[in-house]
Amino acid sequence: MKTNIIVDLDDTLYLERNYVLSGFRAVAQLTPRPRLFAETCWALFESGRRNDIFDAALLKLGTPADPQTIDKLVKAYRHHEPSIKLADDSKRFLAQTNPTGLISDGPVESQTRKLGSLGLSGRFAKIILTDALGRNCWKPSIFAFQEIEKALGPGAFIYLGDNPRKDFRPARQLGWRTIRIRRPEGLYTDLEPQPHYEPDFEAETFDSIERSWLFSNE
């Protein structure tokens, strides 16, 4: 039986924090003090701030944070050409195992540009960006996983992701094996899984994955 290896994108194949920093630097070019704005956004991010970083940064710098300005900055963030690269262990894993699919959440514009910057746009037999299917299809929805099964046909499936809040439940519902890549610098590395969200295996990097975790069904 063939094994279909399906991967997540953010904090699985590369560090998402690098995308965030890339976005802050791009957005900062639209502000009066680019360097200070980028540094302020990054400091807020590092402190744990998430959803309203641009509002908070503008406020700290004494600039009005009107809805029009925030909308412009958010669009620039999502549409910027990211300065990111695959983790070295990800490069080795992709070369050695040849994964057949990718499932990733996030605004479709952002995710599409990430794939392009990482050289992954044509790398998989099937790519599903869940946002293209609708916000209700983001993980932990099972829909994208069912669609990738239909696209790739019979076989064993394994999903490798990072976020215990959403990545593993839908895969496990379909009987897939699951592996968590728990990178020390990942955004969700400190999160512990809740019941029914646990991965079958866990590793810090792809290099520390045992081959038997991937191919025990063959």
N, C-alpha and C. Protein backbone atom coordinates (compact mmCIF):
# COMPACT_ATOMS: atom_id res chain seq x y z
N MET A 1 0.85 -1.19 0.00
CA MET A 1 0.00 0.00 0.00
C MET A 1 0.89 1.25 0.00
N LYS A 2 0.61 2.18 -0.89
CA LYS A 2 1.44 3.39 -0.93
C LYS A 2 1.09 4.30 0.24
N THR A 3 2.08 5.06 0.70
CA THR A 3 1.88 6.02 1.77
C THR A 3 1.88 7.43 1.19
N ASN A 4 0.78 8.14 1.38
CA ASN A 4 0.69 9.53 0.95
C ASN A 4 1.09 10.43 2.11
N ILE A 5 2.18 11.13 1.95
CA ILE A 5 2.66 12.03 2.99
C ILE A 5 2.14 13.43 2.68
N ILE A 6 1.37 13.98 3.62
CA ILE A 6 0.76 15.29 3.46
C ILE A 6 1.34 16.21 4.52
N VAL A 7 1.72 17.42 4.13
CA VAL A 7 2.36 18.34 5.07
C VAL A 7 1.57 19.63 5.23
N ASP A 8 1.74 20.24 6.38
CA ASP A 8 1.30 21.60 6.67
C ASP A 8 2.38 22.54 6.14
N LEU A 9 2.14 23.84 6.19
CA LEU A 9 3.12 24.81 5.69
C LEU A 9 3.76 25.63 6.80
N ASP A 10 2.97 26.48 7.46
CA ASP A 10 3.50 27.42 8.44
C ASP A 10 4.04 26.70 9.68
N ASP A 11 5.27 27.02 10.04
CA ASP A 11 5.96 26.44 11.19
C ASP A 11 6.17 24.94 11.08
N THR A 12 5.88 24.39 9.90
CA THR A 12 6.19 23.00 9.63
C THR A 12 7.35 22.93 8.65
N LEU A 13 7.21 23.60 7.51
CA LEU A 13 8.28 23.61 6.51
C LEU A 13 9.22 24.80 6.65
N TYR A 14 8.77 25.85 7.28
CA TYR A 14 9.60 27.04 7.51
C TYR A 14 9.11 27.70 8.80
N LEU A 15 9.85 28.67 9.32
CA LEU A 15 9.45 29.36 10.54
C LEU A 15 8.51 30.52 10.22
N GLU A 16 7.32 30.46 10.77
CA GLU A 16 6.32 31.49 10.47
C GLU A 16 6.75 32.86 10.99
N ARG A 17 7.53 32.89 12.06
CA ARG A 17 7.98 34.18 12.60
C ARG A 17 8.80 34.95 11.56
N ASN A 18 9.47 34.24 10.67
CA ASN A 18 10.24 34.92 9.62
C ASN A 18 9.31 35.59 8.60
N TYR A 19 8.16 34.95 8.35
CA TYR A 19 7.17 35.57 7.47
C TYR A 19 6.60 36.83 8.13
N VAL A 20 6.32 36.74 9.41
CA VAL A 20 5.77 37.89 10.15
C VAL A 20 6.74 39.08 10.07
N LEU A 21 8.02 38.82 10.33
CA LEU A 21 9.01 39.89 10.27
C LEU A 21 9.11 40.46 8.86
N SER A 22 9.07 39.59 7.86
CA SER A 22 9.10 40.04 6.47
C SER A 22 7.91 40.95 6.18
N GLY A 23 6.75 40.58 6.68
CA GLY A 23 5.55 41.39 6.47
C GLY A 23 5.62 42.74 7.15
N PHE A 24 6.13 42.76 8.38
CA PHE A 24 6.26 44.04 9.09
C PHE A 24 7.18 44.98 8.32
N ARG A 25 8.26 44.45 7.81
CA ARG A 25 9.20 45.30 7.07
C ARG A 25 8.59 45.85 5.80
N ALA A 26 7.78 45.02 5.13
CA ALA A 26 7.12 45.48 3.90
C ALA A 26 6.07 46.55 4.20
N VAL A 27 5.27 46.31 5.21
CA VAL A 27 4.21 47.25 5.59
C VAL A 27 4.80 48.57 6.07
N ALA A 28 5.92 48.49 6.76
CA ALA A 28 6.55 49.69 7.32
C ALA A 28 6.89 50.72 6.25
N GLN A 29 7.11 50.27 5.03
CA GLN A 29 7.46 51.20 3.95
C GLN A 29 6.31 52.15 3.62
N LEU A 30 5.11 51.82 4.10
CA LEU A 30 3.94 52.68 3.85
C LEU A 30 3.72 53.68 4.97
N THR A 31 4.60 53.69 5.95
CA THR A 31 4.44 54.56 7.12
C THR A 31 5.52 55.64 7.12
N PRO A 32 5.30 56.72 7.87
CA PRO A 32 6.27 57.83 7.87
C PRO A 32 7.64 57.46 8.43
N ARG A 33 7.68 56.52 9.40
CA ARG A 33 8.96 56.12 10.01
C ARG A 33 9.11 54.60 9.89
N PRO A 34 9.52 54.14 8.71
CA PRO A 34 9.52 52.70 8.43
C PRO A 34 10.28 51.85 9.43
N ARG A 35 11.52 52.24 9.74
CA ARG A 35 12.33 51.40 10.63
C ARG A 35 11.70 51.31 12.02
N LEU A 36 11.27 52.44 12.55
CA LEU A 36 10.69 52.47 13.89
C LEU A 36 9.37 51.71 13.93
N PHE A 37 8.58 51.84 12.87
CA PHE A 37 7.30 51.11 12.82
C PHE A 37 7.54 49.60 12.82
N ALA A 38 8.48 49.13 11.98
CA ALA A 38 8.78 47.70 11.92
C ALA A 38 9.29 47.19 13.27
N GLU A 39 10.17 47.95 13.89
CA GLU A 39 10.70 47.55 15.19
C GLU A 39 9.61 47.51 16.26
N THR A 40 8.69 48.46 16.19
CA THR A 40 7.60 48.50 17.17
C THR A 40 6.66 47.31 16.97
N CYS A 41 6.33 47.01 15.73
CA CYS A 41 5.48 45.84 15.44
C CYS A 41 6.13 44.56 15.94
N TRP A 42 7.43 44.43 15.69
CA TRP A 42 8.13 43.21 16.10
C TRP A 42 8.18 43.08 17.62
N ALA A 43 8.41 44.18 18.31
CA ALA A 43 8.42 44.16 19.77
C ALA A 43 7.05 43.74 20.31
N LEU A 44 6.00 44.24 19.71
CA LEU A 44 4.64 43.86 20.12
C LEU A 44 4.40 42.37 19.86
N PHE A 45 4.83 41.91 18.72
CA PHE A 45 4.67 40.50 18.37
C PHE A 45 5.43 39.61 19.36
N GLU A 46 6.65 39.98 19.66
CA GLU A 46 7.48 39.21 20.59
C GLU A 46 6.89 39.19 22.00
N SER A 47 6.12 40.22 22.32
CA SER A 47 5.50 40.28 23.65
C SER A 47 4.22 39.46 23.72
N GLY A 48 3.80 38.90 22.58
CA GLY A 48 2.60 38.07 22.56
C GLY A 48 1.39 38.73 21.91
N ARG A 49 1.52 39.94 21.46
CA ARG A 49 0.42 40.65 20.79
C ARG A 49 0.18 40.01 19.44
N ARG A 50 -1.08 39.95 19.01
CA ARG A 50 -1.35 39.32 17.72
C ARG A 50 -2.30 40.14 16.84
N ASN A 51 -3.58 40.13 17.12
CA ASN A 51 -4.57 40.57 16.13
C ASN A 51 -4.55 42.06 15.78
N ASP A 52 -4.14 42.93 16.69
CA ASP A 52 -4.23 44.38 16.43
C ASP A 52 -2.87 45.06 16.50
N ILE A 53 -1.86 44.39 16.00
CA ILE A 53 -0.49 44.93 16.11
C ILE A 53 -0.35 46.26 15.37
N PHE A 54 -0.91 46.39 14.18
CA PHE A 54 -0.75 47.64 13.43
C PHE A 54 -1.42 48.80 14.16
N ASP A 55 -2.61 48.56 14.72
CA ASP A 55 -3.29 49.60 15.50
C ASP A 55 -2.42 50.03 16.67
N ALA A 56 -1.90 49.02 17.40
CA ALA A 56 -1.10 49.31 18.59
C ALA A 56 0.20 50.02 18.25
N ALA A 57 0.84 49.63 17.15
CA ALA A 57 2.10 50.26 16.75
C ALA A 57 1.88 51.72 16.37
N LEU A 58 0.82 51.98 15.60
CA LEU A 58 0.53 53.35 15.22
C LEU A 58 0.23 54.20 16.44
N LEU A 59 -0.51 53.64 17.38
CA LEU A 59 -0.84 54.36 18.61
C LEU A 59 0.43 54.71 19.39
N LYS A 60 1.34 53.76 19.49
CA LYS A 60 2.60 53.99 20.21
C LYS A 60 3.42 55.10 19.55
N LEU A 61 3.29 55.19 18.23
CA LEU A 61 4.07 56.19 17.49
C LEU A 61 3.32 57.51 17.30
N GLY A 62 2.14 57.59 17.91
CA GLY A 62 1.39 58.83 17.87
C GLY A 62 0.72 59.13 16.55
N THR A 63 0.43 58.08 15.78
CA THR A 63 -0.23 58.24 14.48
C THR A 63 -1.66 57.72 14.57
N PRO A 64 -2.64 58.46 14.05
CA PRO A 64 -4.03 57.98 14.10
C PRO A 64 -4.19 56.63 13.39
N ALA A 65 -4.88 55.70 14.04
CA ALA A 65 -5.08 54.36 13.46
C ALA A 65 -6.51 54.24 12.94
N ASP A 66 -6.81 54.99 11.89
CA ASP A 66 -8.16 54.95 11.34
C ASP A 66 -8.36 53.67 10.53
N PRO A 67 -9.61 53.22 10.38
CA PRO A 67 -9.91 51.96 9.68
C PRO A 67 -9.33 51.87 8.27
N GLN A 68 -9.34 52.98 7.55
CA GLN A 68 -8.81 52.98 6.18
C GLN A 68 -7.32 52.67 6.16
N THR A 69 -6.59 53.29 7.07
CA THR A 69 -5.15 53.06 7.15
C THR A 69 -4.85 51.61 7.53
N ILE A 70 -5.57 51.10 8.52
CA ILE A 70 -5.35 49.71 8.97
C ILE A 70 -5.66 48.74 7.84
N ASP A 71 -6.72 48.99 7.10
CA ASP A 71 -7.09 48.12 5.98
C ASP A 71 -5.98 48.11 4.93
N LYS A 72 -5.40 49.28 4.66
CA LYS A 72 -4.31 49.38 3.68
C LYS A 72 -3.08 48.59 4.16
N LEU A 73 -2.77 48.68 5.45
CA LEU A 73 -1.61 47.98 5.99
C LEU A 73 -1.82 46.47 5.99
N VAL A 74 -3.02 46.04 6.34
CA VAL A 74 -3.32 44.60 6.34
C VAL A 74 -3.22 44.03 4.93
N LYS A 75 -3.74 44.75 3.96
CA LYS A 75 -3.66 44.28 2.58
C LYS A 75 -2.21 44.21 2.11
N ALA A 76 -1.41 45.19 2.50
CA ALA A 76 0.01 45.17 2.13
C ALA A 76 0.71 43.98 2.77
N TYR A 77 0.37 43.66 3.99
CA TYR A 77 0.96 42.52 4.69
C TYR A 77 0.62 41.22 3.95
N ARG A 78 -0.62 41.05 3.59
CA ARG A 78 -1.06 39.81 2.95
C ARG A 78 -0.55 39.66 1.53
N HIS A 79 -0.30 40.78 0.87
CA HIS A 79 0.11 40.71 -0.54
C HIS A 79 1.61 40.92 -0.76
N HIS A 80 2.37 41.09 0.30
CA HIS A 80 3.80 41.34 0.10
C HIS A 80 4.50 40.07 -0.37
N GLU A 81 5.62 40.25 -1.04
CA GLU A 81 6.43 39.12 -1.48
C GLU A 81 7.35 38.72 -0.32
N PRO A 82 7.07 37.61 0.32
CA PRO A 82 7.79 37.30 1.57
C PRO A 82 9.24 36.92 1.37
N SER A 83 10.04 37.33 2.34
CA SER A 83 11.45 36.95 2.39
C SER A 83 11.58 35.81 3.39
N ILE A 84 11.37 34.59 2.91
CA ILE A 84 11.38 33.40 3.77
C ILE A 84 12.10 32.27 3.03
N LYS A 85 12.52 31.27 3.79
CA LYS A 85 13.16 30.12 3.16
C LYS A 85 12.81 28.84 3.93
N LEU A 86 12.88 27.73 3.24
CA LEU A 86 12.64 26.45 3.88
C LEU A 86 13.69 26.19 4.95
N ALA A 87 13.27 25.55 6.03
CA ALA A 87 14.24 25.09 7.01
C ALA A 87 15.13 24.03 6.35
N ASP A 88 16.38 23.93 6.77
CA ASP A 88 17.30 22.98 6.16
C ASP A 88 16.79 21.54 6.28
N ASP A 89 16.21 21.21 7.43
CA ASP A 89 15.70 19.85 7.59
C ASP A 89 14.49 19.60 6.70
N SER A 90 13.73 20.65 6.41
CA SER A 90 12.60 20.52 5.49
C SER A 90 13.08 20.20 4.08
N LYS A 91 14.15 20.86 3.65
CA LYS A 91 14.71 20.57 2.33
C LYS A 91 15.10 19.10 2.21
N ARG A 92 15.76 18.61 3.25
CA ARG A 92 16.18 17.20 3.23
C ARG A 92 14.97 16.27 3.22
N PHE A 93 13.98 16.60 4.01
CA PHE A 93 12.78 15.76 4.10
C PHE A 93 12.05 15.71 2.77
N LEU A 94 11.87 16.86 2.14
CA LEU A 94 11.18 16.91 0.86
C LEU A 94 11.92 16.09 -0.20
N ALA A 95 13.24 16.16 -0.17
CA ALA A 95 14.04 15.43 -1.16
C ALA A 95 14.00 13.93 -0.92
N GLN A 96 13.97 13.52 0.34
CA GLN A 96 14.06 12.10 0.68
C GLN A 96 12.73 11.36 0.64
N THR A 97 11.63 12.08 0.93
CA THR A 97 10.34 11.38 1.07
C THR A 97 9.33 11.73 -0.02
N ASN A 98 9.56 12.83 -0.73
CA ASN A 98 8.68 13.24 -1.81
C ASN A 98 7.21 13.28 -1.40
N PRO A 99 6.83 14.15 -0.46
CA PRO A 99 5.42 14.26 -0.05
C PRO A 99 4.51 14.53 -1.24
N THR A 100 3.29 14.01 -1.15
CA THR A 100 2.37 14.13 -2.28
C THR A 100 1.34 15.24 -2.13
N GLY A 101 1.20 15.80 -0.92
CA GLY A 101 0.19 16.82 -0.76
C GLY A 101 0.50 17.81 0.34
N LEU A 102 -0.23 18.94 0.31
CA LEU A 102 -0.08 19.99 1.31
C LEU A 102 -1.46 20.55 1.63
N ILE A 103 -1.74 20.73 2.91
CA ILE A 103 -2.97 21.37 3.37
C ILE A 103 -2.57 22.51 4.29
N SER A 104 -3.04 23.73 4.01
CA SER A 104 -2.62 24.88 4.81
C SER A 104 -3.75 25.87 4.97
N ASP A 105 -3.88 26.39 6.20
CA ASP A 105 -4.81 27.48 6.49
C ASP A 105 -4.14 28.82 6.23
N GLY A 106 -4.95 29.88 6.33
CA GLY A 106 -4.43 31.24 6.19
C GLY A 106 -5.01 31.91 4.96
N PRO A 107 -5.01 33.24 4.92
CA PRO A 107 -5.54 33.96 3.75
C PRO A 107 -4.89 33.44 2.47
N VAL A 108 -5.70 33.16 1.48
CA VAL A 108 -5.20 32.49 0.28
C VAL A 108 -4.13 33.32 -0.43
N GLU A 109 -4.25 34.66 -0.37
CA GLU A 109 -3.24 35.50 -1.02
C GLU A 109 -1.88 35.29 -0.36
N SER A 110 -1.87 35.29 0.97
CA SER A 110 -0.62 35.11 1.71
C SER A 110 -0.02 33.74 1.46
N GLN A 111 -0.86 32.72 1.55
CA GLN A 111 -0.34 31.36 1.42
C GLN A 111 0.19 31.10 0.01
N THR A 112 -0.46 31.65 -0.99
CA THR A 112 0.00 31.48 -2.36
C THR A 112 1.38 32.10 -2.55
N ARG A 113 1.58 33.28 -1.99
CA ARG A 113 2.88 33.94 -2.11
C ARG A 113 3.96 33.21 -1.32
N LYS A 114 3.60 32.66 -0.18
CA LYS A 114 4.56 31.86 0.58
C LYS A 114 5.04 30.67 -0.25
N LEU A 115 4.10 29.96 -0.85
CA LEU A 115 4.47 28.80 -1.67
C LEU A 115 5.42 29.21 -2.80
N GLY A 116 5.13 30.33 -3.42
CA GLY A 116 5.99 30.81 -4.50
C GLY A 116 7.39 31.15 -4.01
N SER A 117 7.47 31.86 -2.89
CA SER A 117 8.77 32.26 -2.35
C SER A 117 9.60 31.06 -1.92
N LEU A 118 8.92 30.00 -1.46
CA LEU A 118 9.61 28.81 -1.00
C LEU A 118 9.90 27.81 -2.13
N GLY A 119 9.43 28.14 -3.34
CA GLY A 119 9.64 27.25 -4.48
C GLY A 119 8.81 25.99 -4.42
N LEU A 120 7.61 26.09 -3.83
CA LEU A 120 6.78 24.90 -3.61
C LEU A 120 5.50 24.87 -4.45
N SER A 121 5.29 25.88 -5.27
CA SER A 121 4.01 25.98 -5.98
C SER A 121 3.67 24.74 -6.80
N GLY A 122 4.65 24.15 -7.46
CA GLY A 122 4.38 22.96 -8.26
C GLY A 122 4.99 21.70 -7.68
N ARG A 123 5.25 21.73 -6.38
CA ARG A 123 6.02 20.66 -5.75
C ARG A 123 5.19 19.43 -5.39
N PHE A 124 3.88 19.58 -5.23
CA PHE A 124 3.04 18.50 -4.73
C PHE A 124 1.98 18.09 -5.75
N ALA A 125 1.55 16.84 -5.66
CA ALA A 125 0.49 16.38 -6.55
C ALA A 125 -0.82 17.10 -6.26
N LYS A 126 -1.03 17.47 -5.00
CA LYS A 126 -2.26 18.17 -4.62
C LYS A 126 -1.97 19.16 -3.51
N ILE A 127 -2.33 20.42 -3.73
CA ILE A 127 -2.22 21.47 -2.72
C ILE A 127 -3.62 21.99 -2.43
N ILE A 128 -3.98 22.03 -1.15
CA ILE A 128 -5.26 22.61 -0.76
C ILE A 128 -5.00 23.76 0.20
N LEU A 129 -5.31 24.97 -0.24
CA LEU A 129 -5.30 26.14 0.62
C LEU A 129 -6.74 26.32 1.08
N THR A 130 -6.98 26.01 2.33
CA THR A 130 -8.36 25.89 2.81
C THR A 130 -9.16 27.18 2.66
N ASP A 131 -8.49 28.32 2.71
CA ASP A 131 -9.21 29.59 2.59
C ASP A 131 -9.88 29.73 1.23
N ALA A 132 -9.33 29.07 0.22
CA ALA A 132 -9.94 29.11 -1.11
C ALA A 132 -11.27 28.38 -1.14
N LEU A 133 -11.48 27.50 -0.17
CA LEU A 133 -12.73 26.73 -0.08
C LEU A 133 -13.75 27.43 0.81
N GLY A 134 -13.30 28.43 1.57
CA GLY A 134 -14.19 29.11 2.50
C GLY A 134 -13.65 29.04 3.92
N ARG A 135 -13.90 30.08 4.69
CA ARG A 135 -13.36 30.14 6.05
C ARG A 135 -13.82 28.95 6.90
N ASN A 136 -15.01 28.42 6.61
CA ASN A 136 -15.51 27.27 7.38
C ASN A 136 -14.76 25.98 7.07
N CYS A 137 -13.88 26.02 6.07
CA CYS A 137 -13.10 24.83 5.71
C CYS A 137 -11.70 24.84 6.30
N TRP A 138 -11.37 25.88 7.07
CA TRP A 138 -10.09 25.87 7.76
C TRP A 138 -10.07 24.72 8.76
N LYS A 139 -8.88 24.20 9.04
CA LYS A 139 -8.74 23.19 10.07
C LYS A 139 -9.22 23.75 11.42
N PRO A 140 -9.89 22.96 12.26
CA PRO A 140 -9.98 21.50 12.22
C PRO A 140 -11.13 20.92 11.40
N SER A 141 -11.66 21.67 10.42
CA SER A 141 -12.63 21.06 9.51
C SER A 141 -12.00 19.85 8.82
N ILE A 142 -12.80 18.85 8.59
CA ILE A 142 -12.30 17.62 7.96
C ILE A 142 -12.33 17.70 6.44
N PHE A 143 -12.97 18.75 5.89
CA PHE A 143 -13.27 18.80 4.47
C PHE A 143 -12.04 18.69 3.57
N ALA A 144 -11.01 19.49 3.86
CA ALA A 144 -9.80 19.48 3.01
C ALA A 144 -9.13 18.11 3.02
N PHE A 145 -9.17 17.43 4.15
CA PHE A 145 -8.56 16.10 4.26
C PHE A 145 -9.33 15.08 3.42
N GLN A 146 -10.64 15.21 3.42
CA GLN A 146 -11.45 14.33 2.57
C GLN A 146 -11.19 14.60 1.10
N GLU A 147 -11.03 15.86 0.76
CA GLU A 147 -10.78 16.23 -0.63
C GLU A 147 -9.43 15.70 -1.11
N ILE A 148 -8.44 15.74 -0.25
CA ILE A 148 -7.12 15.26 -0.67
C ILE A 148 -7.13 13.75 -0.80
N GLU A 149 -7.92 13.05 -0.01
CA GLU A 149 -8.07 11.60 -0.17
C GLU A 149 -8.69 11.28 -1.54
N LYS A 150 -9.70 12.03 -1.91
CA LYS A 150 -10.35 11.82 -3.22
C LYS A 150 -9.36 12.07 -4.36
N ALA A 151 -8.55 13.12 -4.21
CA ALA A 151 -7.62 13.50 -5.28
C ALA A 151 -6.49 12.49 -5.44
N LEU A 152 -6.00 11.94 -4.34
CA LEU A 152 -4.82 11.09 -4.40
C LEU A 152 -5.14 9.60 -4.46
N GLY A 153 -6.37 9.24 -4.15
CA GLY A 153 -6.76 7.84 -4.30
C GLY A 153 -6.36 6.96 -3.13
N PRO A 154 -6.56 5.65 -3.27
CA PRO A 154 -6.34 4.71 -2.17
C PRO A 154 -4.90 4.71 -1.66
N GLY A 155 -4.77 4.43 -0.38
CA GLY A 155 -3.45 4.35 0.22
C GLY A 155 -3.50 4.76 1.68
N ALA A 156 -2.37 4.65 2.34
CA ALA A 156 -2.25 5.14 3.71
C ALA A 156 -1.94 6.63 3.66
N PHE A 157 -2.38 7.35 4.67
CA PHE A 157 -2.14 8.79 4.73
C PHE A 157 -1.50 9.17 6.06
N ILE A 158 -0.60 10.12 5.98
CA ILE A 158 0.03 10.65 7.18
C ILE A 158 0.11 12.16 7.05
N TYR A 159 -0.19 12.88 8.13
CA TYR A 159 -0.17 14.34 8.10
C TYR A 159 0.84 14.85 9.10
N LEU A 160 1.68 15.78 8.63
CA LEU A 160 2.69 16.40 9.48
C LEU A 160 2.37 17.88 9.64
N GLY A 161 2.15 18.31 10.88
CA GLY A 161 1.82 19.69 11.15
C GLY A 161 2.44 20.15 12.45
N ASP A 162 2.02 21.32 12.92
CA ASP A 162 2.64 21.87 14.12
C ASP A 162 1.65 22.29 15.20
N ASN A 163 0.42 22.59 14.81
CA ASN A 163 -0.53 23.22 15.74
C ASN A 163 -1.47 22.18 16.35
N PRO A 164 -1.33 21.89 17.66
CA PRO A 164 -2.17 20.85 18.26
C PRO A 164 -3.63 21.25 18.42
N ARG A 165 -3.93 22.52 18.20
CA ARG A 165 -5.32 22.95 18.33
C ARG A 165 -6.17 22.55 17.12
N LYS A 166 -5.50 22.28 15.98
CA LYS A 166 -6.32 22.07 14.79
C LYS A 166 -5.77 21.06 13.80
N ASP A 167 -4.47 20.78 13.82
CA ASP A 167 -3.87 20.02 12.72
C ASP A 167 -4.19 18.53 12.74
N PHE A 168 -4.38 17.94 13.90
CA PHE A 168 -4.36 16.49 13.97
C PHE A 168 -5.75 15.83 14.11
N ARG A 169 -6.71 16.56 14.62
CA ARG A 169 -8.03 15.97 14.81
C ARG A 169 -8.66 15.49 13.51
N PRO A 170 -8.73 16.35 12.47
CA PRO A 170 -9.37 15.88 11.23
C PRO A 170 -8.64 14.71 10.60
N ALA A 171 -7.32 14.72 10.67
CA ALA A 171 -6.55 13.60 10.11
C ALA A 171 -6.85 12.31 10.86
N ARG A 172 -6.91 12.40 12.17
CA ARG A 172 -7.17 11.21 12.97
C ARG A 172 -8.58 10.70 12.77
N GLN A 173 -9.53 11.60 12.51
CA GLN A 173 -10.91 11.17 12.24
C GLN A 173 -10.98 10.27 11.02
N LEU A 174 -10.05 10.46 10.10
CA LEU A 174 -10.04 9.66 8.87
C LEU A 174 -9.09 8.47 8.97
N GLY A 175 -8.50 8.28 10.13
CA GLY A 175 -7.60 7.15 10.31
C GLY A 175 -6.18 7.40 9.83
N TRP A 176 -5.83 8.66 9.58
CA TRP A 176 -4.47 8.98 9.16
C TRP A 176 -3.54 8.91 10.38
N ARG A 177 -2.28 8.62 10.15
CA ARG A 177 -1.28 8.80 11.19
C ARG A 177 -0.85 10.27 11.19
N THR A 178 -0.40 10.75 12.35
CA THR A 178 -0.07 12.17 12.49
C THR A 178 1.26 12.35 13.21
N ILE A 179 2.01 13.35 12.77
CA ILE A 179 3.28 13.70 13.40
C ILE A 179 3.31 15.21 13.64
N ARG A 180 3.65 15.58 14.84
CA ARG A 180 3.81 17.00 15.16
C ARG A 180 5.27 17.39 15.02
N ILE A 181 5.53 18.43 14.21
CA ILE A 181 6.85 19.04 14.14
C ILE A 181 6.84 20.20 15.14
N ARG A 182 7.53 20.00 16.25
CA ARG A 182 7.48 20.96 17.35
C ARG A 182 8.79 21.76 17.40
N ARG A 183 8.92 22.67 16.46
CA ARG A 183 10.14 23.47 16.38
C ARG A 183 10.23 24.40 17.60
N PRO A 184 11.40 24.50 18.22
CA PRO A 184 11.54 25.36 19.40
C PRO A 184 11.13 26.80 19.16
N GLU A 185 11.31 27.29 17.93
CA GLU A 185 10.95 28.67 17.62
C GLU A 185 9.56 28.80 16.99
N GLY A 186 8.82 27.72 16.93
CA GLY A 186 7.48 27.77 16.36
C GLY A 186 6.52 28.56 17.22
N LEU A 187 5.51 29.14 16.60
CA LEU A 187 4.57 29.98 17.34
C LEU A 187 3.72 29.17 18.33
N TYR A 188 3.54 27.88 18.08
CA TYR A 188 2.68 27.07 18.94
C TYR A 188 3.45 26.00 19.71
N THR A 189 4.75 26.18 19.82
CA THR A 189 5.57 25.14 20.42
C THR A 189 5.21 24.87 21.88
N ASP A 190 4.68 25.89 22.59
CA ASP A 190 4.34 25.72 24.00
C ASP A 190 2.94 25.16 24.23
N LEU A 191 2.17 25.03 23.16
CA LEU A 191 0.81 24.51 23.31
C LEU A 191 0.81 23.00 23.48
N GLU A 192 0.05 22.54 24.45
CA GLU A 192 -0.14 21.11 24.64
C GLU A 192 -1.47 20.70 24.01
N PRO A 193 -1.53 19.53 23.40
CA PRO A 193 -2.76 19.11 22.75
C PRO A 193 -3.87 18.78 23.74
N GLN A 194 -5.09 19.05 23.34
CA GLN A 194 -6.27 18.66 24.11
C GLN A 194 -6.70 17.27 23.66
N PRO A 195 -7.56 16.62 24.42
CA PRO A 195 -8.03 15.29 24.02
C PRO A 195 -8.59 15.28 22.60
N HIS A 196 -8.24 14.27 21.83
CA HIS A 196 -8.65 14.07 20.44
C HIS A 196 -7.86 14.94 19.46
N TYR A 197 -6.93 15.73 19.97
CA TYR A 197 -6.10 16.56 19.11
C TYR A 197 -4.65 16.06 19.09
N GLU A 198 -4.35 15.03 19.87
CA GLU A 198 -2.96 14.60 20.02
C GLU A 198 -2.42 13.99 18.72
N PRO A 199 -1.16 14.28 18.41
CA PRO A 199 -0.51 13.58 17.30
C PRO A 199 -0.08 12.19 17.76
N ASP A 200 0.16 11.31 16.79
CA ASP A 200 0.67 9.98 17.14
C ASP A 200 2.13 10.03 17.56
N PHE A 201 2.89 10.93 16.92
CA PHE A 201 4.31 11.06 17.20
C PHE A 201 4.68 12.54 17.24
N GLU A 202 5.83 12.83 17.80
CA GLU A 202 6.29 14.21 17.90
C GLU A 202 7.80 14.28 17.69
N ALA A 203 8.26 15.32 16.99
CA ALA A 203 9.68 15.49 16.75
C ALA A 203 9.98 16.98 16.64
N GLU A 204 11.20 17.37 17.02
CA GLU A 204 11.58 18.78 16.92
C GLU A 204 11.79 19.20 15.48
N THR A 205 12.33 18.31 14.67
CA THR A 205 12.59 18.60 13.26
C THR A 205 12.31 17.35 12.44
N PHE A 206 12.30 17.50 11.14
CA PHE A 206 12.13 16.35 10.26
C PHE A 206 13.29 15.37 10.40
N ASP A 207 14.47 15.88 10.72
CA ASP A 207 15.64 15.01 10.84
C ASP A 207 15.48 13.97 11.93
N SER A 208 14.67 14.26 12.94
CA SER A 208 14.52 13.34 14.06
C SER A 208 13.30 12.43 13.94
N ILE A 209 12.68 12.40 12.77
CA ILE A 209 11.55 11.49 12.53
C ILE A 209 12.08 10.11 12.19
N GLU A 210 11.55 9.11 12.85
CA GLU A 210 11.93 7.73 12.56
C GLU A 210 11.23 7.26 11.29
N ARG A 211 11.95 6.57 10.45
CA ARG A 211 11.38 6.10 9.19
C ARG A 211 10.15 5.22 9.42
N SER A 212 10.14 4.45 10.50
CA SER A 212 9.02 3.55 10.78
C SER A 212 7.72 4.34 11.03
N TRP A 213 7.84 5.60 11.49
CA TRP A 213 6.65 6.42 11.70
C TRP A 213 5.96 6.73 10.37
N LEU A 214 6.75 6.78 9.32
CA LEU A 214 6.21 7.16 8.02
C LEU A 214 5.77 5.96 7.19
N PHE A 215 6.52 4.89 7.23
CA PHE A 215 6.30 3.83 6.26
C PHE A 215 5.94 2.48 6.88
N SER A 216 5.38 2.47 8.07
CA SER A 216 5.05 1.22 8.73
C SER A 216 3.92 0.45 8.05
N ASN A 217 3.15 1.14 7.19
CA ASN A 217 2.05 0.46 6.50
C ASN A 217 2.46 -0.15 5.17
N GLU A 218 3.69 0.08 4.75
CA GLU A 218 4.08 -0.42 3.42
C GLU A 218 4.60 -1.85 3.49
